[in-house]
Amino acid sequence: MKKKWFFSSFLIFNLLLFNFNNFIFADSYEPAPNEQIKTTIQNEFKLKYLNSLNSVKSEYGLDGKENFENVQLSSGTAYYKISDNANSSELVFAGYIFSIKLNNIDVGTIYSNNDSGSWEIFNITSNINNEQSFLATQSSLKEGEDIKLVSDVRYGIDALYIHGIAGERVIDLNSNNATSGSLHAENTISKSVFDEKIKNIKEKRAASPTKNGVLEMGAGQVNFTEPEATSNNLPVILFLFGVILVIPVLFVLTLILRLH
């Protein structure tokens, strides 16, 4: 009886622990923030940022009659960054971005995260279109394809990562022809090439990680061009060279055999 009671208690405890962990991390991997997260960001935006943004509203394209009190936030989209692991280019969940809209026009972007244990704004920028590019590309994906928005200021990256039956690829959103979210080959590289480029940047920074004690954000940006195919002709050259050498040798041997 005691054994059954102990086993039942142990099972219930583990189930509760499992559900508790799921509850804690449930909103960390959602493709879009829930209403509680969005409300938290909206309230912080109104309380802490309205006055400062109105003082520089021209930088966001607002004229004298417009102000940030009348803006609305989009529903929000999850974004990812490059792993801090020196030996990895894995994409890890970073938080949510929200487009700042005035009269249904994007005028800026809010970046939020949960590094401190609660959701908060950590950056507001006048850069736009990342979320719109994500949504536009998402709607054009084939069945079985998955997409992630990647944004990492440390590497100057704003990109889309797409994984599906056709393989993995990364699309640059900083390219001039990528603003509409269309999939242009000239600003798209394979994930394996992307990983190699990130690896090279990390290795260079490991050798010289700081400048005057400060990490150079965005330095050594990822170049979204496939490396040129370098054909190695050395084996062919050696083969032809060998054939050229063999011909006179065979000729000499043939003469020797005839003389004997």
Protein backbone atom coordinates (compact mmCIF):
# COMPACT_ATOMS: atom_id res chain seq x y z
CA MET A 1 0.00 0.00 0.00
CA LYS A 2 2.78 2.39 0.94
CA LYS A 3 4.62 1.54 -2.27
CA LYS A 4 1.51 2.33 -4.35
CA TRP A 5 1.00 5.61 -2.48
CA PHE A 6 4.64 6.56 -2.97
CA PHE A 7 4.52 5.70 -6.67
CA SER A 8 1.28 7.67 -7.19
CA SER A 9 2.66 10.70 -5.34
CA PHE A 10 5.88 10.54 -7.34
CA LEU A 11 3.93 10.35 -10.63
CA ILE A 12 1.65 13.28 -9.72
CA PHE A 13 4.64 15.38 -8.63
CA ASN A 14 6.42 14.81 -11.94
CA LEU A 15 3.29 15.61 -13.93
CA LEU A 16 2.85 18.86 -12.01
CA LEU A 17 6.51 19.72 -12.47
CA PHE A 18 6.29 19.03 -16.19
CA ASN A 19 3.20 21.21 -16.60
CA PHE A 20 4.74 23.95 -14.46
CA ASN A 21 7.80 24.05 -16.71
CA ASN A 22 5.57 24.15 -19.77
CA PHE A 23 3.64 27.03 -18.23
CA ILE A 24 6.81 29.00 -17.56
CA PHE A 25 8.23 28.58 -21.06
CA ALA A 26 4.98 28.38 -22.99
CA ASP A 27 5.18 31.89 -24.43
CA SER A 28 8.89 31.63 -25.25
CA TYR A 29 8.43 29.74 -28.49
CA GLU A 30 5.13 31.01 -29.83
CA PRO A 31 5.26 32.44 -33.37
CA ALA A 32 3.31 35.47 -32.12
CA PRO A 33 3.03 37.01 -28.62
CA ASN A 34 -0.07 36.46 -26.52
CA GLU A 35 -2.29 39.34 -25.44
CA GLN A 36 -0.59 39.64 -22.03
CA ILE A 37 2.83 40.20 -23.62
CA LYS A 38 1.45 42.65 -26.16
CA THR A 39 -0.38 44.62 -23.46
CA THR A 40 2.80 44.78 -21.35
CA ILE A 41 4.78 46.20 -24.29
CA GLN A 42 2.02 48.67 -25.20
CA ASN A 43 1.85 50.00 -21.64
CA GLU A 44 5.62 50.39 -21.37
CA PHE A 45 5.71 52.14 -24.73
CA LYS A 46 3.08 54.69 -23.63
CA LEU A 47 4.57 55.27 -20.18
CA LYS A 48 8.28 55.47 -21.02
CA TYR A 49 8.80 56.32 -24.68
CA LEU A 50 6.12 58.66 -26.01
CA ASN A 51 7.76 61.93 -24.98
CA SER A 52 11.26 60.99 -26.15
CA LEU A 53 9.98 59.67 -29.49
CA ASN A 54 7.86 62.77 -30.10
CA SER A 55 10.96 64.90 -29.66
CA VAL A 56 12.62 63.10 -32.60
CA LYS A 57 9.50 62.22 -34.60
CA SER A 58 10.91 63.67 -37.81
CA GLU A 59 13.44 60.81 -37.80
CA TYR A 60 10.48 58.44 -38.03
CA GLY A 61 8.82 60.32 -40.88
CA LEU A 62 6.17 62.05 -38.76
CA ASP A 63 5.27 65.66 -39.58
CA GLY A 64 4.43 68.52 -37.18
CA LYS A 65 0.78 67.52 -36.69
CA GLU A 66 1.46 63.83 -36.09
CA ASN A 67 2.71 62.26 -32.87
CA PHE A 68 3.29 58.88 -31.31
CA GLU A 69 0.23 59.10 -29.07
CA ASN A 70 -1.90 58.00 -32.03
CA VAL A 71 0.19 55.03 -33.16
CA GLN A 72 -0.80 51.40 -32.83
CA LEU A 73 1.32 48.29 -32.50
CA SER A 74 1.08 45.28 -34.79
CA SER A 75 0.19 41.83 -33.47
CA GLY A 76 3.90 41.04 -33.16
CA THR A 77 6.20 38.38 -34.59
CA ALA A 78 8.83 36.14 -32.99
CA TYR A 79 12.41 36.74 -34.03
CA TYR A 80 15.63 34.80 -33.59
CA LYS A 81 19.30 35.60 -33.10
CA ILE A 82 22.59 33.74 -33.53
CA SER A 83 23.62 31.51 -30.65
CA ASP A 84 26.17 32.95 -28.20
CA ASN A 85 28.04 29.65 -28.41
CA ALA A 86 31.37 30.37 -30.12
CA ASN A 87 31.16 27.08 -32.04
CA SER A 88 27.54 27.31 -33.15
CA SER A 89 25.47 29.28 -35.65
CA GLU A 90 22.20 27.90 -34.28
CA LEU A 91 19.20 30.23 -34.36
CA VAL A 92 17.77 30.80 -30.88
CA PHE A 93 14.54 32.51 -29.87
CA ALA A 94 15.24 36.14 -28.87
CA GLY A 95 11.84 37.80 -28.37
CA TYR A 96 9.17 39.61 -30.37
CA ILE A 97 9.15 42.57 -32.70
CA PHE A 98 6.19 44.93 -33.09
CA SER A 99 5.69 47.28 -36.00
CA ILE A 100 4.73 50.83 -34.94
CA LYS A 101 1.86 51.92 -37.18
CA LEU A 102 0.35 55.34 -37.85
CA ASN A 103 -2.66 55.43 -40.18
CA ASN A 104 -1.84 51.82 -41.11
CA ILE A 105 1.66 52.82 -42.23
CA ASP A 106 4.77 51.41 -40.56
CA VAL A 107 6.94 54.14 -39.04
CA GLY A 108 9.22 52.10 -36.77
CA THR A 109 9.88 48.82 -34.97
CA ILE A 110 9.94 47.77 -31.32
CA TYR A 111 12.19 44.92 -30.18
CA SER A 112 11.20 43.19 -26.94
CA ASN A 113 12.76 40.42 -24.90
CA ASN A 114 12.42 38.58 -21.61
CA ASP A 115 16.06 38.44 -20.48
CA SER A 116 15.29 40.01 -17.08
CA GLY A 117 12.42 37.66 -16.19
CA SER A 118 9.66 39.92 -17.53
CA TRP A 119 8.80 41.17 -20.99
CA GLU A 120 10.12 44.64 -21.80
CA ILE A 121 11.25 46.90 -24.64
CA PHE A 122 14.99 46.88 -25.23
CA ASN A 123 15.19 48.75 -28.55
CA ILE A 124 13.12 51.02 -30.77
CA THR A 125 14.30 51.78 -34.30
CA SER A 126 13.07 53.67 -37.35
CA ASN A 127 13.91 50.62 -39.49
CA ILE A 128 10.76 49.08 -40.95
CA ASN A 129 9.45 46.28 -43.19
CA ASN A 130 11.07 43.28 -41.46
CA GLU A 131 7.76 42.08 -40.07
CA GLN A 132 5.92 42.83 -43.31
CA SER A 133 8.56 40.95 -45.31
CA PHE A 134 8.19 38.00 -42.94
CA LEU A 135 4.39 37.94 -43.27
CA ALA A 136 4.49 38.36 -47.05
CA THR A 137 6.98 35.54 -47.49
CA GLN A 138 5.15 33.34 -44.97
CA SER A 139 1.97 33.58 -47.03
CA SER A 140 3.84 32.42 -50.15
CA LEU A 141 5.51 29.36 -48.62
CA LYS A 142 4.94 25.91 -50.03
CA GLU A 143 3.35 23.16 -47.97
CA GLY A 144 5.84 21.71 -45.50
CA GLU A 145 8.02 24.83 -45.38
CA ASP A 146 8.73 26.71 -42.15
CA ILE A 147 10.04 30.26 -41.71
CA LYS A 148 11.82 32.25 -38.99
CA LEU A 149 12.64 35.95 -38.80
CA VAL A 150 16.31 36.47 -37.87
CA SER A 151 17.54 39.79 -36.49
CA ASP A 152 20.92 40.18 -34.81
CA VAL A 153 22.59 43.60 -34.62
CA ARG A 154 25.89 41.97 -33.63
CA TYR A 155 26.23 40.59 -37.16
CA GLY A 156 24.23 43.22 -39.04
CA ILE A 157 21.65 40.55 -39.88
CA ASP A 158 18.01 41.01 -40.80
CA ALA A 159 17.01 37.89 -42.65
CA LEU A 160 14.49 35.13 -43.22
CA TYR A 161 15.39 31.50 -42.58
CA ILE A 162 13.31 29.01 -44.55
CA HIS A 163 13.40 25.27 -44.00
CA GLY A 164 11.48 22.76 -46.08
CA ILE A 165 11.58 19.99 -48.66
CA ALA A 166 13.82 22.13 -50.87
CA GLY A 167 16.42 22.42 -48.10
CA GLU A 168 17.47 25.33 -45.92
CA ARG A 169 18.09 28.86 -47.14
CA VAL A 170 18.58 32.33 -45.70
CA ILE A 171 17.26 35.49 -47.37
CA ASP A 172 18.79 38.89 -46.72
CA LEU A 173 16.26 41.61 -45.80
CA ASN A 174 18.87 44.38 -45.92
CA SER A 175 19.22 43.97 -49.67
CA ASN A 176 17.61 46.69 -51.81
CA ASN A 177 15.57 44.15 -53.75
CA ALA A 178 14.32 42.32 -50.66
CA THR A 179 12.02 45.02 -49.26
CA SER A 180 8.92 43.40 -50.71
CA GLY A 181 9.71 40.04 -49.12
CA SER A 182 10.13 38.38 -52.51
CA LEU A 183 12.56 35.51 -52.81
CA HIS A 184 15.40 36.82 -54.98
CA ALA A 185 18.22 34.41 -55.74
CA GLU A 186 20.81 37.19 -55.58
CA ASN A 187 20.13 37.85 -51.90
CA THR A 188 19.63 34.21 -50.87
CA ILE A 189 22.27 31.77 -49.64
CA SER A 190 22.11 28.20 -48.40
CA LYS A 191 22.07 27.62 -44.65
CA SER A 192 25.37 25.73 -44.86
CA VAL A 193 27.07 28.75 -46.48
CA PHE A 194 25.43 31.04 -43.91
CA ASP A 195 26.78 28.84 -41.10
CA GLU A 196 30.27 28.96 -42.57
CA LYS A 197 30.17 32.76 -42.83
CA ILE A 198 29.03 33.07 -39.20
CA LYS A 199 31.80 30.67 -38.15
CA ASN A 200 34.42 32.80 -39.92
CA ILE A 201 33.14 36.00 -38.28
CA LYS A 202 33.19 34.40 -34.83
CA GLU A 203 36.73 33.14 -35.35
CA LYS A 204 37.93 36.62 -36.40
CA ARG A 205 36.25 38.21 -33.40
CA ALA A 206 37.71 35.60 -31.06
CA ALA A 207 41.17 36.65 -32.25
CA SER A 208 40.37 40.34 -31.69
CA PRO A 209 37.06 40.52 -29.79
CA THR A 210 37.06 44.17 -28.76
CA LYS A 211 38.10 47.59 -29.90
CA ASN A 212 38.99 49.91 -27.03
CA GLY A 213 37.20 47.47 -24.77
CA VAL A 214 33.94 47.59 -26.76
CA LEU A 215 32.50 44.83 -28.96
CA GLU A 216 32.06 46.08 -32.52
CA MET A 217 28.37 45.54 -33.18
CA GLY A 218 27.59 44.74 -36.80
CA ALA A 219 31.27 44.60 -37.71
CA GLY A 220 32.08 41.80 -40.12
CA GLN A 221 28.57 41.60 -41.52
CA VAL A 222 27.40 38.49 -43.31
CA ASN A 223 27.87 38.79 -47.07
CA PHE A 224 24.79 37.27 -48.71
CA THR A 225 26.48 35.99 -51.82
CA GLU A 226 27.37 32.41 -52.54
CA PRO A 227 31.14 31.85 -52.77
CA GLU A 228 32.33 31.57 -56.34
CA ALA A 229 32.77 28.01 -57.47
CA THR A 230 36.50 27.39 -57.56
CA SER A 231 37.35 24.57 -59.92
CA ASN A 232 40.43 22.64 -58.94
CA ASN A 233 42.18 21.78 -62.22
CA LEU A 234 45.33 20.44 -60.58
CA PRO A 235 44.44 16.72 -60.99
CA VAL A 236 43.67 17.25 -64.69
CA ILE A 237 46.91 19.18 -65.23
CA LEU A 238 48.96 16.50 -63.49
CA PHE A 239 47.27 13.79 -65.55
CA LEU A 240 48.02 15.55 -68.84
CA PHE A 241 51.59 16.25 -67.72
CA GLY A 242 52.00 12.57 -66.89
CA VAL A 243 50.68 11.54 -70.33
CA ILE A 244 53.15 13.90 -72.01
CA LEU A 245 56.04 12.39 -70.06
CA VAL A 246 54.96 8.81 -70.71
CA ILE A 247 54.87 9.19 -74.52
CA PRO A 248 58.66 9.71 -75.00
CA VAL A 249 59.41 7.01 -72.43
CA LEU A 250 57.27 4.54 -74.35
CA PHE A 251 58.92 5.62 -77.59
CA VAL A 252 62.42 4.99 -76.13
CA LEU A 253 61.38 1.58 -74.74
CA THR A 254 59.92 0.59 -78.11
CA LEU A 255 63.24 1.44 -79.84
CA ILE A 256 65.22 -0.53 -77.27
CA LEU A 257 63.03 -3.61 -77.74
CA ARG A 258 63.37 -3.41 -81.51
CA LEU A 259 67.17 -3.20 -81.29
CA HIS A 260 67.25 -6.33 -79.19
